[in-house]
Amino acid sequence: MALNAIEGVEAKVDLKKHQAEVRLDREIDEKLFIEALEGAGLEFVSISDR
């Protein structure tokens, strides 16, 4: 499942920098979020609140 397929998630991925900026408009189950990343072949590193 792609990140943008999760309701309430907007993700912008920069493949050159190997990072993504993700905005949430509601609380998302962290497990669902991590499963979406891993399903896309990506590694979950951290979440920061800016």
N, C-alpha and C. Protein backbone atom coordinates (compact mmCIF):
# COMPACT_ATOMS: atom_id res chain seq x y z
N MET A 1 0.84 -1.18 0.00
CA MET A 1 0.00 0.00 0.00
C MET A 1 0.89 1.24 0.00
N ALA A 2 0.60 2.15 -0.91
CA ALA A 2 1.35 3.41 -0.97
C ALA A 2 0.89 4.34 0.14
N LEU A 3 1.78 5.19 0.59
CA LEU A 3 1.45 6.12 1.67
C LEU A 3 0.25 7.00 1.32
N ASN A 4 0.21 7.51 0.09
CA ASN A 4 -0.89 8.39 -0.30
C ASN A 4 -2.22 7.65 -0.40
N ALA A 5 -2.20 6.33 -0.37
CA ALA A 5 -3.44 5.55 -0.39
C ALA A 5 -4.09 5.49 0.99
N ILE A 6 -3.36 5.87 2.02
CA ILE A 6 -3.90 5.89 3.38
C ILE A 6 -4.69 7.18 3.56
N GLU A 7 -5.95 7.07 3.95
CA GLU A 7 -6.78 8.25 4.14
C GLU A 7 -6.17 9.16 5.20
N GLY A 8 -6.02 10.44 4.85
CA GLY A 8 -5.45 11.41 5.78
C GLY A 8 -3.96 11.61 5.64
N VAL A 9 -3.33 10.92 4.67
CA VAL A 9 -1.88 11.02 4.49
C VAL A 9 -1.57 11.69 3.15
N GLU A 10 -0.62 12.62 3.18
CA GLU A 10 -0.09 13.24 1.96
C GLU A 10 1.43 13.11 2.03
N ALA A 11 2.01 12.39 1.08
CA ALA A 11 3.46 12.14 1.10
C ALA A 11 4.11 12.69 -0.17
N LYS A 12 5.27 13.31 0.03
CA LYS A 12 6.12 13.77 -1.08
C LYS A 12 7.46 13.08 -0.90
N VAL A 13 7.85 12.30 -1.89
CA VAL A 13 9.07 11.50 -1.80
C VAL A 13 10.14 12.11 -2.69
N ASP A 14 11.36 12.24 -2.16
CA ASP A 14 12.52 12.70 -2.91
C ASP A 14 13.49 11.53 -3.03
N LEU A 15 13.46 10.87 -4.18
CA LEU A 15 14.29 9.67 -4.36
C LEU A 15 15.78 10.00 -4.36
N LYS A 16 16.15 11.19 -4.82
CA LYS A 16 17.57 11.57 -4.83
C LYS A 16 18.12 11.72 -3.42
N LYS A 17 17.30 12.28 -2.52
CA LYS A 17 17.73 12.48 -1.14
C LYS A 17 17.40 11.29 -0.24
N HIS A 18 16.66 10.33 -0.79
CA HIS A 18 16.26 9.14 -0.03
C HIS A 18 15.45 9.51 1.21
N GLN A 19 14.48 10.41 1.03
CA GLN A 19 13.65 10.80 2.15
C GLN A 19 12.25 11.17 1.68
N ALA A 20 11.33 11.21 2.62
CA ALA A 20 9.96 11.60 2.31
C ALA A 20 9.47 12.58 3.35
N GLU A 21 8.66 13.52 2.90
CA GLU A 21 7.97 14.43 3.79
C GLU A 21 6.52 13.99 3.80
N VAL A 22 6.00 13.71 4.98
CA VAL A 22 4.65 13.18 5.10
C VAL A 22 3.84 14.10 6.01
N ARG A 23 2.67 14.47 5.55
CA ARG A 23 1.76 15.30 6.34
C ARG A 23 0.51 14.48 6.63
N LEU A 24 0.03 14.60 7.86
CA LEU A 24 -1.16 13.89 8.29
C LEU A 24 -2.22 14.90 8.69
N ASP A 25 -3.47 14.65 8.29
CA ASP A 25 -4.53 15.55 8.73
C ASP A 25 -5.37 14.91 9.84
N ARG A 26 -4.89 13.77 10.34
CA ARG A 26 -5.52 13.08 11.47
C ARG A 26 -4.53 12.08 12.04
N GLU A 27 -4.84 11.51 13.17
CA GLU A 27 -3.96 10.51 13.76
C GLU A 27 -4.05 9.22 12.93
N ILE A 28 -2.91 8.65 12.62
CA ILE A 28 -2.82 7.43 11.82
C ILE A 28 -2.17 6.35 12.67
N ASP A 29 -2.68 5.13 12.56
CA ASP A 29 -2.08 4.00 13.28
C ASP A 29 -0.65 3.82 12.78
N GLU A 30 0.31 3.94 13.70
CA GLU A 30 1.73 3.85 13.33
C GLU A 30 2.05 2.53 12.63
N LYS A 31 1.44 1.45 13.05
CA LYS A 31 1.69 0.13 12.44
C LYS A 31 1.28 0.14 10.96
N LEU A 32 0.13 0.72 10.64
CA LEU A 32 -0.33 0.82 9.26
C LEU A 32 0.65 1.64 8.43
N PHE A 33 1.12 2.73 9.01
CA PHE A 33 2.07 3.62 8.34
C PHE A 33 3.38 2.88 8.03
N ILE A 34 3.92 2.18 9.01
CA ILE A 34 5.18 1.45 8.84
C ILE A 34 5.01 0.31 7.84
N GLU A 35 3.89 -0.38 7.88
CA GLU A 35 3.63 -1.46 6.93
C GLU A 35 3.59 -0.93 5.49
N ALA A 36 3.01 0.26 5.30
CA ALA A 36 2.97 0.87 3.97
C ALA A 36 4.38 1.19 3.48
N LEU A 37 5.22 1.71 4.36
CA LEU A 37 6.61 2.01 4.00
C LEU A 37 7.36 0.74 3.62
N GLU A 38 7.29 -0.25 4.49
CA GLU A 38 8.01 -1.50 4.25
C GLU A 38 7.48 -2.21 3.01
N GLY A 39 6.18 -2.11 2.76
CA GLY A 39 5.59 -2.72 1.56
C GLY A 39 6.08 -2.08 0.28
N ALA A 40 6.53 -0.83 0.38
CA ALA A 40 7.08 -0.12 -0.78
C ALA A 40 8.60 -0.31 -0.87
N GLY A 41 9.15 -1.14 0.02
CA GLY A 41 10.59 -1.39 -0.01
C GLY A 41 11.39 -0.31 0.70
N LEU A 42 10.74 0.48 1.54
CA LEU A 42 11.41 1.57 2.26
C LEU A 42 11.62 1.20 3.71
N GLU A 43 12.50 1.92 4.36
CA GLU A 43 12.81 1.67 5.77
C GLU A 43 12.28 2.81 6.63
N PHE A 44 11.58 2.47 7.69
CA PHE A 44 11.11 3.47 8.63
C PHE A 44 12.28 3.83 9.55
N VAL A 45 12.54 5.14 9.68
CA VAL A 45 13.65 5.60 10.52
C VAL A 45 13.12 6.35 11.72
N SER A 46 12.34 7.38 11.51
CA SER A 46 11.84 8.16 12.65
C SER A 46 10.65 9.03 12.24
N ILE A 47 9.97 9.52 13.26
CA ILE A 47 8.90 10.49 13.07
C ILE A 47 9.27 11.73 13.86
N SER A 48 9.16 12.88 13.23
CA SER A 48 9.39 14.13 13.96
C SER A 48 8.18 15.02 13.77
N ASP A 49 7.87 15.78 14.78
CA ASP A 49 6.74 16.70 14.76
C ASP A 49 7.29 18.11 14.63
N ARG A 50 7.04 18.72 13.49
CA ARG A 50 7.56 20.08 13.28
C ARG A 50 6.45 21.07 13.30
